[in-house]
Amino acid sequence: MRAIILLSMLFAGLLSHAVRAETVEVRLHYVGPTEGTVWLGLQQGLNEANLQGEFLGQKYTLEPISLADLESLQSVTAVLMATNAAQIMELAQLPQFAHVPVINIVADDDNLRAACLPNLLSIAASNKMKQDALAQWHVKHANSKAVAQGWHKSFEKFAASQLNIRFTKAHGVAMDDNAWAGWVAVKLLSDTVARIQTTDAAAMLSYLRNDIAFDGQKGDGATFRDTGQLRQLLLLVENDEIVAEAPLRGVKGGLDSLGLQSCK
C-alpha cells in the first residue's frame, strides 16, 4: 500500500511538472492610466483570465507601457489602449502593428470607427451609437433627460448582476462603463487564446474580426462590425436608474441601428 501511495505521489508530481512546463505565457501590453475604474476593470479581467488559465495551461500578464517604448518592440500579442483617439490612431497605423489587435477601451470618437482600420477594435460605444440610442428613446419621450451608457451598477440581465457583484466585492466600487470595457478587453483576448490555442497576433486578430461571438454579459454573442466597433446594447439611464435598453423593441436593424453600420 505504501508503495502504491508513493507511486501515486510521484505520478502527481510528474503530471504537475508537465502542466507547468507546458504553460503558455500570454503577455498583453497596455497604454493608459494605472488607476481609476478602467484599470480596475483590466485587473478584474486579468484575474478571471488566470483562473480560467489554470485549467488551460495559460498564464496572463498585463504590462503597462509608454507609447515610445511600445513602438520599439518587435513582437507584440495585443495592445490595449485607454488613451485619446489621436494616440490610438497613430499606433494602429504603424506598419509593425498592422496585424496586431489594437483594442480601444474608452475613446468614443466616431473617426476611429470611420477610419475602418483592420487592426483597430473598439469596445467603448461610439458617440454616434449613444446619439442613436437617445434618438430612439426621444421618439416617445421627448422631454426625457436620459443618457446612454455602456454599463450600469444595477444592470441585472444576462448574468450582469453576477459580474457587478464580483467586481464590487473585489474592488470596493461599482462597475461603470470604463470598468466594464477594461474587463471586456482582457476577456475578449483570453477567450480568443483559449479557443484558437495560439498567441500569434495575426491569428488572434483574424479570429476577433471574423469568428468570435463574445459574451460580455449584455445579451447574445457580441461581434465586431467591419468598422471595428463591438456590437452591443446600450442602457438608457435617468436619475441613476435604467429606464430602457437600446435598441428599443421594434426598431429596424436591431444592434446595427446604433452607430456607423459599415465601412461601405
Protein backbone atom coordinates (compact mmCIF):
# COMPACT_ATOMS: atom_id res chain seq x y z
CA MET A 1 0.00 0.00 0.00
CA ARG A 2 2.83 2.37 0.93
CA ALA A 3 4.46 1.69 -2.45
CA ILE A 4 1.21 2.49 -4.25
CA ILE A 5 0.88 5.77 -2.36
CA LEU A 6 4.46 6.72 -3.18
CA LEU A 7 3.92 5.90 -6.86
CA SER A 8 0.71 7.96 -6.87
CA MET A 9 2.54 10.92 -5.33
CA LEU A 10 5.36 10.58 -7.85
CA PHE A 11 2.89 10.45 -10.76
CA ALA A 12 1.04 13.50 -9.44
CA GLY A 13 4.31 15.38 -9.13
CA LEU A 14 5.36 14.46 -12.66
CA LEU A 15 1.95 15.46 -14.02
CA SER A 16 2.10 18.78 -12.18
CA HIS A 17 5.57 19.41 -13.56
CA ALA A 18 4.38 18.59 -17.09
CA VAL A 19 1.47 21.01 -16.80
CA ARG A 20 3.78 23.74 -15.55
CA ALA A 21 6.27 23.05 -18.32
CA GLU A 22 3.58 23.46 -20.96
CA THR A 23 2.08 26.65 -19.57
CA VAL A 24 1.66 29.30 -22.26
CA GLU A 25 2.68 32.79 -21.20
CA VAL A 26 0.27 35.37 -22.65
CA ARG A 27 1.74 38.85 -22.36
CA LEU A 28 -0.56 41.78 -23.09
CA HIS A 29 0.61 45.39 -23.35
CA TYR A 30 -1.40 48.33 -22.06
CA VAL A 31 -1.20 52.08 -22.68
CA GLY A 32 -3.23 54.16 -20.25
CA PRO A 33 -3.72 55.09 -16.59
CA THR A 34 -2.86 52.60 -13.85
CA GLU A 35 -5.51 53.95 -11.51
CA GLY A 36 -9.24 54.52 -11.83
CA THR A 37 -12.01 52.22 -12.94
CA VAL A 38 -10.60 51.25 -16.34
CA TRP A 39 -7.53 49.86 -14.55
CA LEU A 40 -9.73 48.03 -12.05
CA GLY A 41 -11.71 46.52 -14.92
CA LEU A 42 -8.50 45.33 -16.54
CA GLN A 43 -7.43 43.73 -13.26
CA GLN A 44 -10.81 42.00 -12.94
CA GLY A 45 -10.42 40.60 -16.44
CA LEU A 46 -6.84 39.54 -15.72
CA ASN A 47 -7.79 37.73 -12.52
CA GLU A 48 -10.60 35.86 -14.25
CA ALA A 49 -8.38 35.03 -17.23
CA ASN A 50 -5.81 33.47 -14.91
CA LEU A 51 -8.45 31.47 -13.06
CA GLN A 52 -9.52 30.03 -16.40
CA GLY A 53 -5.90 29.70 -17.44
CA GLU A 54 -5.12 27.39 -14.53
CA PHE A 55 -7.19 24.71 -16.27
CA LEU A 56 -5.98 25.52 -19.78
CA GLY A 57 -2.27 25.92 -19.16
CA GLN A 58 -2.24 29.67 -19.77
CA LYS A 59 -0.83 32.47 -17.64
CA TYR A 60 -1.73 36.09 -18.39
CA THR A 61 0.23 39.23 -17.57
CA LEU A 62 -0.62 42.83 -18.35
CA GLU A 63 2.32 45.20 -18.83
CA PRO A 64 1.72 48.96 -18.68
CA ILE A 65 3.98 50.63 -21.21
CA SER A 66 4.54 54.03 -22.79
CA LEU A 67 3.84 54.64 -26.45
CA ALA A 68 7.50 55.31 -27.10
CA ASP A 69 8.62 52.04 -25.53
CA LEU A 70 5.83 50.12 -27.22
CA GLU A 71 6.87 51.32 -30.66
CA SER A 72 10.33 49.87 -30.13
CA LEU A 73 9.07 46.32 -29.51
CA GLN A 74 9.39 43.76 -32.28
CA SER A 75 6.89 41.16 -31.07
CA VAL A 76 3.52 42.05 -29.53
CA THR A 77 0.47 39.83 -28.97
CA ALA A 78 -2.10 42.60 -28.43
CA VAL A 79 -2.22 46.23 -27.32
CA LEU A 80 -4.93 47.57 -25.01
CA MET A 81 -5.34 51.35 -25.10
CA ALA A 82 -7.16 53.67 -22.70
CA THR A 83 -5.93 56.93 -24.15
CA ASN A 84 -7.04 59.60 -26.61
CA ALA A 85 -8.15 59.00 -30.18
CA ALA A 86 -5.10 60.63 -31.76
CA GLN A 87 -2.68 58.31 -29.97
CA ILE A 88 -4.80 55.25 -30.76
CA MET A 89 -4.96 56.18 -34.44
CA GLU A 90 -1.22 56.85 -34.57
CA LEU A 91 -0.31 53.48 -33.06
CA ALA A 92 -2.80 51.47 -35.12
CA GLN A 93 -1.36 52.91 -38.34
CA LEU A 94 2.25 51.95 -37.61
CA PRO A 95 3.44 49.22 -40.01
CA GLN A 96 4.73 46.93 -37.23
CA PHE A 97 1.24 46.80 -35.71
CA ALA A 98 -0.65 46.17 -38.95
CA HIS A 99 -1.53 42.60 -37.90
CA VAL A 100 -1.72 43.18 -34.14
CA PRO A 101 -5.08 43.64 -32.34
CA VAL A 102 -5.18 47.23 -31.09
CA ILE A 103 -8.04 47.44 -28.60
CA ASN A 104 -9.66 50.83 -27.98
CA ILE A 105 -11.13 50.63 -24.49
CA VAL A 106 -12.57 54.08 -23.78
CA ALA A 107 -12.37 56.52 -26.73
CA ASP A 108 -15.82 57.18 -28.21
CA ASP A 109 -14.64 59.32 -31.16
CA ASP A 110 -16.56 58.47 -34.32
CA ASN A 111 -13.49 59.00 -36.50
CA LEU A 112 -11.85 55.90 -35.03
CA ARG A 113 -14.70 53.82 -36.45
CA ALA A 114 -14.95 55.72 -39.74
CA ALA A 115 -11.22 55.11 -40.36
CA CYS A 116 -12.04 51.38 -40.73
CA LEU A 117 -8.51 50.29 -39.78
CA PRO A 118 -8.36 46.48 -39.99
CA ASN A 119 -6.40 46.08 -36.74
CA LEU A 120 -8.36 48.57 -34.62
CA LEU A 121 -11.19 47.19 -32.47
CA SER A 122 -13.34 49.46 -30.30
CA ILE A 123 -15.10 48.25 -27.16
CA ALA A 124 -16.44 51.59 -25.97
CA ALA A 125 -19.68 52.65 -27.61
CA SER A 126 -19.13 55.45 -30.12
CA ASN A 127 -20.68 58.90 -29.86
CA LYS A 128 -22.98 58.04 -32.76
CA MET A 129 -24.15 54.85 -31.03
CA LYS A 130 -25.13 56.84 -27.97
CA GLN A 131 -26.81 59.53 -30.06
CA ASP A 132 -28.79 56.92 -32.00
CA ALA A 133 -29.89 55.25 -28.77
CA LEU A 134 -31.16 58.54 -27.37
CA ALA A 135 -32.90 59.39 -30.65
CA GLN A 136 -34.85 56.13 -30.44
CA TRP A 137 -35.89 56.93 -26.86
CA HIS A 138 -36.88 60.52 -27.62
CA VAL A 139 -39.41 59.44 -30.24
CA LYS A 140 -41.83 58.77 -27.38
CA HIS A 141 -40.05 60.56 -24.53
CA ALA A 142 -39.14 63.94 -25.98
CA ASN A 143 -38.60 65.64 -22.63
CA SER A 144 -36.57 62.89 -21.07
CA LYS A 145 -33.16 63.68 -19.59
CA ALA A 146 -31.83 60.17 -20.14
CA VAL A 147 -28.24 59.42 -21.08
CA ALA A 148 -26.91 56.41 -22.97
CA GLN A 149 -24.38 54.26 -21.13
CA GLY A 150 -22.47 51.08 -21.83
CA TRP A 151 -22.93 49.74 -18.31
CA HIS A 152 -24.67 50.42 -15.02
CA LYS A 153 -24.24 49.12 -11.48
CA SER A 154 -27.87 47.98 -11.29
CA PHE A 155 -27.94 46.07 -14.61
CA GLU A 156 -29.07 42.51 -13.87
CA LYS A 157 -29.92 40.70 -17.11
CA PHE A 158 -27.62 38.25 -18.92
CA ALA A 159 -25.68 37.48 -15.70
CA ALA A 160 -24.74 41.16 -15.44
CA SER A 161 -25.70 41.16 -11.76
CA GLN A 162 -23.11 38.46 -11.02
CA LEU A 163 -20.42 40.48 -12.79
CA ASN A 164 -21.38 43.60 -10.84
CA ILE A 165 -21.22 41.64 -7.59
CA ARG A 166 -17.82 40.11 -8.41
CA PHE A 167 -16.36 43.47 -9.36
CA THR A 168 -17.66 45.38 -6.33
CA LYS A 169 -16.57 42.62 -3.96
CA ALA A 170 -13.05 42.65 -5.44
CA HIS A 171 -12.54 46.41 -5.71
CA GLY A 172 -14.96 48.11 -3.35
CA VAL A 173 -16.51 50.33 -6.04
CA ALA A 174 -19.30 49.92 -8.57
CA MET A 175 -18.57 48.82 -12.12
CA ASP A 176 -19.05 51.65 -14.63
CA ASP A 177 -18.63 51.98 -18.41
CA ASN A 178 -14.84 52.15 -18.27
CA ALA A 179 -14.51 49.27 -15.83
CA TRP A 180 -16.77 47.10 -17.97
CA ALA A 181 -14.78 47.94 -21.10
CA GLY A 182 -11.50 47.14 -19.34
CA TRP A 183 -12.86 43.78 -18.23
CA VAL A 184 -14.12 43.08 -21.74
CA ALA A 185 -10.75 43.93 -23.29
CA VAL A 186 -8.95 41.21 -21.36
CA LYS A 187 -11.78 38.70 -21.58
CA LEU A 188 -12.01 39.07 -25.35
CA LEU A 189 -8.33 38.22 -25.68
CA SER A 190 -8.31 35.39 -23.13
CA ASP A 191 -11.37 33.80 -24.76
CA THR A 192 -9.61 34.04 -28.12
CA VAL A 193 -6.42 32.37 -26.85
CA ALA A 194 -8.48 29.64 -25.20
CA ARG A 195 -10.32 28.91 -28.43
CA ILE A 196 -7.55 29.11 -31.02
CA GLN A 197 -4.71 27.92 -28.76
CA THR A 198 -2.14 30.39 -30.04
CA THR A 199 -0.82 33.82 -29.12
CA ASP A 200 0.06 34.69 -32.71
CA ALA A 201 -1.15 38.26 -33.17
CA ALA A 202 -2.37 37.85 -36.76
CA ALA A 203 -4.32 34.70 -35.90
CA MET A 204 -5.90 36.42 -32.91
CA LEU A 205 -6.86 39.46 -34.98
CA SER A 206 -8.46 37.26 -37.63
CA TYR A 207 -10.47 35.36 -35.02
CA LEU A 208 -11.63 38.53 -33.30
CA ARG A 209 -12.62 40.08 -36.62
CA ASN A 210 -14.37 37.11 -38.18
CA ASP A 211 -15.29 34.37 -35.72
CA ILE A 212 -15.75 35.42 -32.13
CA ALA A 213 -19.23 35.70 -30.66
CA PHE A 214 -18.44 37.22 -27.30
CA ASP A 215 -20.33 37.06 -24.02
CA GLY A 216 -19.94 40.48 -22.44
CA GLN A 217 -22.94 39.95 -20.09
CA LYS A 218 -25.07 42.13 -22.37
CA GLY A 219 -27.02 39.59 -24.36
CA ASP A 220 -26.42 37.41 -27.40
CA GLY A 221 -22.86 36.86 -28.59
CA ALA A 222 -21.32 40.21 -29.44
CA THR A 223 -19.40 40.54 -32.71
CA PHE A 224 -17.35 43.25 -34.40
CA ARG A 225 -18.55 45.25 -37.39
CA ASP A 226 -16.14 45.90 -40.24
CA THR A 227 -15.71 49.37 -38.69
CA GLY A 228 -14.09 47.61 -35.73
CA GLN A 229 -16.94 48.55 -33.38
CA LEU A 230 -18.24 45.94 -30.93
CA ARG A 231 -21.97 45.46 -31.40
CA GLN A 232 -23.73 45.85 -28.05
CA LEU A 233 -26.89 47.06 -26.41
CA LEU A 234 -26.79 50.36 -24.55
CA LEU A 235 -28.55 51.30 -21.35
CA LEU A 236 -30.69 54.43 -21.15
CA VAL A 237 -30.31 55.89 -17.68
CA GLU A 238 -32.25 58.70 -16.00
CA ASN A 239 -31.78 59.79 -12.37
CA ASP A 240 -29.28 56.93 -12.00
CA GLU A 241 -31.91 54.34 -12.91
CA ILE A 242 -32.13 52.22 -16.04
CA VAL A 243 -35.27 53.21 -17.94
CA ALA A 244 -34.74 51.24 -21.15
CA GLU A 245 -32.31 49.27 -23.29
CA ALA A 246 -31.35 50.30 -26.81
CA PRO A 247 -32.01 49.32 -29.48
CA LEU A 248 -35.61 49.72 -28.43
CA ARG A 249 -38.02 46.94 -29.26
CA GLY A 250 -39.28 47.11 -32.82
CA VAL A 251 -36.51 49.35 -34.14
CA LYS A 252 -35.38 48.18 -37.56
CA GLY A 253 -31.83 46.88 -37.71
CA GLY A 254 -31.50 45.74 -34.12
CA LEU A 255 -27.99 46.31 -32.77
CA ASP A 256 -26.93 47.73 -36.12
CA SER A 257 -29.37 50.61 -35.63
CA LEU A 258 -26.77 52.05 -33.23
CA GLY A 259 -23.76 53.77 -34.78
CA LEU A 260 -21.96 53.55 -38.09
CA GLN A 261 -23.15 50.32 -39.65
CA SER A 262 -20.43 49.59 -42.17
CA CYS A 263 -17.34 50.83 -43.97
CA LYS A 264 -19.13 50.51 -47.31
